[in-house]
Amino acid sequence: MGFNKILFATDFSEGSDHAFASALELALKFEGKLFVIHVINEPVDLRGFYVPHISFDKLEEEIEQGALKMMEKFCRTHMGEFSNFETFVVPGIPYDEIIKKAEELEVDLIVMGTHGRTGLDHVLFGSTAEKVVRKSPLPVMTIRCE
């Protein structure tokens, strides 16, 4: 069994950076293709409220441009000589979009970091990684941030 296609989900956190090393190592070992996805968590819809100086559409556009710049920096910083990769920046609910993209690409493995939140933090914020593990029909590897 090999991992010819690996989807790595990042939120650009330190935990994601830590987990990326494992995803890259697997891609190198199996000479596989690495897909990197970042999901822009849909912002609260502010239409109908007074938001000075910026329209909602402009805000979404600026958030997307910022995410694309962060993805570019992430790849420049972490990929080194590895070139068999493709990136995606998509809006939506993170766990849902990660699973959709994994199925669409027919990946062999999803790799993502986990923050290791517990207690009240976990109840309040939930865990994208946990939701992906529970709902994905594909194998998922989570790497806990140290």
C-alpha atoms as a PDB file:
ATOM      1  CA  MET A   1       0.000   0.000   0.000  1.00  0.00           C
ATOM      2  CA  GLY A   2       1.268   3.435  -0.891  1.00  0.00           C
ATOM      3  CA  PHE A   3       0.216   7.003  -0.599  1.00  0.00           C
ATOM      4  CA  ASN A   4       0.196   8.343  -4.155  1.00  0.00           C
ATOM      5  CA  LYS A   5      -2.060  11.295  -3.340  1.00  0.00           C
ATOM      6  CA  ILE A   6      -1.965  13.060   0.009  1.00  0.00           C
ATOM      7  CA  LEU A   7      -4.155  15.984   1.038  1.00  0.00           C
ATOM      8  CA  PHE A   8      -2.651  18.194   3.707  1.00  0.00           C
ATOM      9  CA  ALA A   9      -5.025  20.637   5.425  1.00  0.00           C
ATOM     10  CA  THR A  10      -3.487  23.745   6.948  1.00  0.00           C
ATOM     11  CA  ASP A  11      -4.733  26.650   9.012  1.00  0.00           C
ATOM     12  CA  PHE A  12      -1.214  28.178   8.892  1.00  0.00           C
ATOM     13  CA  SER A  13      -0.752  27.608  12.626  1.00  0.00           C
ATOM     14  CA  GLU A  14       2.340  26.243  14.345  1.00  0.00           C
ATOM     15  CA  GLY A  15       0.514  22.926  14.723  1.00  0.00           C
ATOM     16  CA  SER A  16      -0.053  22.767  10.986  1.00  0.00           C
ATOM     17  CA  ASP A  17       3.598  23.524  10.312  1.00  0.00           C
ATOM     18  CA  HIS A  18       4.576  20.672  12.621  1.00  0.00           C
ATOM     19  CA  ALA A  19       2.168  18.255  10.900  1.00  0.00           C
ATOM     20  CA  PHE A  20       3.331  19.279   7.438  1.00  0.00           C
ATOM     21  CA  ALA A  21       6.712  17.631   7.984  1.00  0.00           C
ATOM     22  CA  SER A  22       4.957  14.243   8.196  1.00  0.00           C
ATOM     23  CA  ALA A  23       2.863  14.883   5.077  1.00  0.00           C
ATOM     24  CA  LEU A  24       5.932  15.908   3.093  1.00  0.00           C
ATOM     25  CA  GLU A  25       7.921  12.930   4.368  1.00  0.00           C
ATOM     26  CA  LEU A  26       5.184  10.558   3.188  1.00  0.00           C
ATOM     27  CA  ALA A  27       4.937  12.258  -0.207  1.00  0.00           C
ATOM     28  CA  LEU A  28       8.707  11.964  -0.648  1.00  0.00           C
ATOM     29  CA  LYS A  29       8.836   8.341   0.536  1.00  0.00           C
ATOM     30  CA  PHE A  30       6.041   7.196  -1.778  1.00  0.00           C
ATOM     31  CA  GLU A  31       6.883   9.626  -4.596  1.00  0.00           C
ATOM     32  CA  GLY A  32       3.337  10.893  -4.279  1.00  0.00           C
ATOM     33  CA  LYS A  33       1.571  14.111  -5.098  1.00  0.00           C
ATOM     34  CA  LEU A  34       0.844  16.478  -2.243  1.00  0.00           C
ATOM     35  CA  PHE A  35      -2.280  18.624  -2.247  1.00  0.00           C
ATOM     36  CA  VAL A  36      -2.372  21.480   0.250  1.00  0.00           C
ATOM     37  CA  ILE A  37      -5.710  23.023   1.205  1.00  0.00           C
ATOM     38  CA  HIS A  38      -6.629  25.985   3.349  1.00  0.00           C
ATOM     39  CA  VAL A  39     -10.300  26.620   4.060  1.00  0.00           C
ATOM     40  CA  ILE A  40     -11.377  30.174   4.713  1.00  0.00           C
ATOM     41  CA  ASN A  41     -13.921  29.786   7.462  1.00  0.00           C
ATOM     42  CA  GLU A  42     -16.952  31.692   6.189  1.00  0.00           C
ATOM     43  CA  PRO A  43     -17.149  34.993   8.044  1.00  0.00           C
ATOM     44  CA  VAL A  44     -20.281  36.099   9.826  1.00  0.00           C
ATOM     45  CA  ASP A  45     -22.671  37.601   7.315  1.00  0.00           C
ATOM     46  CA  LEU A  46     -22.753  41.308   8.135  1.00  0.00           C
ATOM     47  CA  ARG A  47     -25.185  42.317   5.386  1.00  0.00           C
ATOM     48  CA  GLY A  48     -27.841  44.603   6.753  1.00  0.00           C
ATOM     49  CA  PHE A  49     -25.550  45.952   9.454  1.00  0.00           C
ATOM     50  CA  TYR A  50     -23.630  49.172   9.125  1.00  0.00           C
ATOM     51  CA  VAL A  51     -19.992  48.305   8.501  1.00  0.00           C
ATOM     52  CA  PRO A  52     -18.099  51.497   7.694  1.00  0.00           C
ATOM     53  CA  HIS A  53     -15.652  51.838   4.810  1.00  0.00           C
ATOM     54  CA  ILE A  54     -15.848  48.324   3.403  1.00  0.00           C
ATOM     55  CA  SER A  55     -18.464  46.221   1.681  1.00  0.00           C
ATOM     56  CA  PHE A  56     -19.006  42.593   2.602  1.00  0.00           C
ATOM     57  CA  ASP A  57     -17.896  41.489  -0.880  1.00  0.00           C
ATOM     58  CA  LYS A  58     -14.730  43.561  -0.552  1.00  0.00           C
ATOM     59  CA  LEU A  59     -14.053  42.030   2.870  1.00  0.00           C
ATOM     60  CA  GLU A  60     -14.403  38.490   1.465  1.00  0.00           C
ATOM     61  CA  GLU A  61     -12.086  39.409  -1.416  1.00  0.00           C
ATOM     62  CA  GLU A  62      -9.461  40.808   0.965  1.00  0.00           C
ATOM     63  CA  ILE A  63      -9.645  37.722   3.189  1.00  0.00           C
ATOM     64  CA  GLU A  64      -9.173  35.481   0.143  1.00  0.00           C
ATOM     65  CA  GLN A  65      -6.218  37.545  -1.121  1.00  0.00           C
ATOM     66  CA  GLY A  66      -4.627  37.349   2.342  1.00  0.00           C
ATOM     67  CA  ALA A  67      -5.106  33.566   2.444  1.00  0.00           C
ATOM     68  CA  LEU A  68      -3.574  33.177  -1.022  1.00  0.00           C
ATOM     69  CA  LYS A  69      -0.524  35.185   0.103  1.00  0.00           C
ATOM     70  CA  MET A  70      -0.219  33.030   3.224  1.00  0.00           C
ATOM     71  CA  MET A  71      -0.426  29.869   1.084  1.00  0.00           C
ATOM     72  CA  GLU A  72       2.284  31.185  -1.216  1.00  0.00           C
ATOM     73  CA  LYS A  73       4.517  31.983   1.768  1.00  0.00           C
ATOM     74  CA  PHE A  74       3.767  28.572   3.329  1.00  0.00           C
ATOM     75  CA  CYS A  75       4.856  26.762   0.158  1.00  0.00           C
ATOM     76  CA  ARG A  76       7.928  28.938  -0.324  1.00  0.00           C
ATOM     77  CA  THR A  77       8.964  28.269   3.287  1.00  0.00           C
ATOM     78  CA  HIS A  78       8.128  24.553   3.571  1.00  0.00           C
ATOM     79  CA  MET A  79       8.362  22.844   0.167  1.00  0.00           C
ATOM     80  CA  GLY A  80      12.086  23.181  -0.447  1.00  0.00           C
ATOM     81  CA  GLU A  81      12.963  21.264  -3.613  1.00  0.00           C
ATOM     82  CA  PHE A  82       9.684  19.310  -3.615  1.00  0.00           C
ATOM     83  CA  SER A  83       7.630  20.343  -6.642  1.00  0.00           C
ATOM     84  CA  ASN A  84       4.918  17.681  -7.003  1.00  0.00           C
ATOM     85  CA  PHE A  85       2.213  19.660  -5.231  1.00  0.00           C
ATOM     86  CA  GLU A  86      -0.928  21.661  -5.865  1.00  0.00           C
ATOM     87  CA  THR A  87      -2.642  24.179  -3.600  1.00  0.00           C
ATOM     88  CA  PHE A  88      -6.235  25.150  -2.929  1.00  0.00           C
ATOM     89  CA  VAL A  89      -7.757  28.035  -0.989  1.00  0.00           C
ATOM     90  CA  VAL A  90     -11.513  27.632  -0.660  1.00  0.00           C
ATOM     91  CA  PRO A  91     -14.261  29.234   1.426  1.00  0.00           C
ATOM     92  CA  GLY A  92     -16.609  27.159   3.532  1.00  0.00           C
ATOM     93  CA  ILE A  93     -16.895  25.032   6.616  1.00  0.00           C
ATOM     94  CA  PRO A  94     -13.382  23.628   7.122  1.00  0.00           C
ATOM     95  CA  TYR A  95     -14.115  19.948   7.873  1.00  0.00           C
ATOM     96  CA  ASP A  96     -16.728  19.771   5.105  1.00  0.00           C
ATOM     97  CA  GLU A  97     -14.495  21.357   2.442  1.00  0.00           C
ATOM     98  CA  ILE A  98     -11.502  19.197   3.422  1.00  0.00           C
ATOM     99  CA  ILE A  99     -13.535  16.016   3.001  1.00  0.00           C
ATOM    100  CA  LYS A 100     -15.111  17.234  -0.273  1.00  0.00           C
ATOM    101  CA  LYS A 101     -11.716  18.058  -1.768  1.00  0.00           C
ATOM    102  CA  ALA A 102     -10.229  14.743  -0.604  1.00  0.00           C
ATOM    103  CA  GLU A 103     -13.054  12.828  -2.276  1.00  0.00           C
ATOM    104  CA  GLU A 104     -12.880  14.949  -5.430  1.00  0.00           C
ATOM    105  CA  LEU A 105      -9.126  14.338  -5.746  1.00  0.00           C
ATOM    106  CA  GLU A 106      -9.470  10.674  -4.721  1.00  0.00           C
ATOM    107  CA  VAL A 107      -6.610  10.978  -2.245  1.00  0.00           C
ATOM    108  CA  ASP A 108      -5.195   8.028  -0.342  1.00  0.00           C
ATOM    109  CA  LEU A 109      -4.701   9.967   2.896  1.00  0.00           C
ATOM    110  CA  ILE A 110      -5.664  13.215   4.613  1.00  0.00           C
ATOM    111  CA  VAL A 111      -3.015  14.655   6.941  1.00  0.00           C
ATOM    112  CA  MET A 112      -3.675  17.449   9.391  1.00  0.00           C
ATOM    113  CA  GLY A 113      -2.469  18.861  12.661  1.00  0.00           C
ATOM    114  CA  THR A 114      -4.516  19.002  15.815  1.00  0.00           C
ATOM    115  CA  HIS A 115      -4.249  21.596  18.551  1.00  0.00           C
ATOM    116  CA  GLY A 116      -5.005  19.117  21.300  1.00  0.00           C
ATOM    117  CA  ARG A 117      -7.565  21.351  22.976  1.00  0.00           C
ATOM    118  CA  THR A 118      -9.345  19.823  25.931  1.00  0.00           C
ATOM    119  CA  GLY A 119     -12.124  20.705  28.318  1.00  0.00           C
ATOM    120  CA  LEU A 120     -13.993  23.947  27.787  1.00  0.00           C
ATOM    121  CA  ASP A 121     -11.794  25.044  24.874  1.00  0.00           C
ATOM    122  CA  HIS A 122     -12.721  21.844  23.030  1.00  0.00           C
ATOM    123  CA  VAL A 123     -16.427  22.273  23.790  1.00  0.00           C
ATOM    124  CA  LEU A 124     -16.425  25.916  22.663  1.00  0.00           C
ATOM    125  CA  PHE A 125     -14.226  25.656  19.587  1.00  0.00           C
ATOM    126  CA  GLY A 126     -14.706  22.027  18.552  1.00  0.00           C
ATOM    127  CA  SER A 127     -12.081  20.371  16.470  1.00  0.00           C
ATOM    128  CA  THR A 128     -11.863  20.425  12.706  1.00  0.00           C
ATOM    129  CA  ALA A 129      -9.497  17.454  12.849  1.00  0.00           C
ATOM    130  CA  GLU A 130     -11.924  15.473  15.017  1.00  0.00           C
ATOM    131  CA  LYS A 131     -14.811  16.188  12.627  1.00  0.00           C
ATOM    132  CA  VAL A 132     -12.721  15.134   9.630  1.00  0.00           C
ATOM    133  CA  VAL A 133     -11.725  11.903  11.402  1.00  0.00           C
ATOM    134  CA  ARG A 134     -15.343  11.130  12.307  1.00  0.00           C
ATOM    135  CA  LYS A 135     -16.931  12.013   8.963  1.00  0.00           C
ATOM    136  CA  SER A 136     -14.323  11.170   6.316  1.00  0.00           C
ATOM    137  CA  PRO A 137     -14.702   7.927   4.372  1.00  0.00           C
ATOM    138  CA  LEU A 138     -10.972   8.198   3.617  1.00  0.00           C
ATOM    139  CA  PRO A 139      -8.025   7.515   5.956  1.00  0.00           C
ATOM    140  CA  VAL A 140      -6.978  10.466   8.116  1.00  0.00           C
ATOM    141  CA  MET A 141      -3.693  10.966   9.940  1.00  0.00           C
ATOM    142  CA  THR A 142      -3.633  13.595  12.681  1.00  0.00           C
ATOM    143  CA  ILE A 143      -0.424  14.957  14.124  1.00  0.00           C
ATOM    144  CA  ARG A 144      -0.676  16.543  17.554  1.00  0.00           C
ATOM    145  CA  CYS A 145       1.135  19.819  18.061  1.00  0.00           C
ATOM    146  CA  GLU A 146       3.892  19.489  20.641  1.00  0.00           C
END
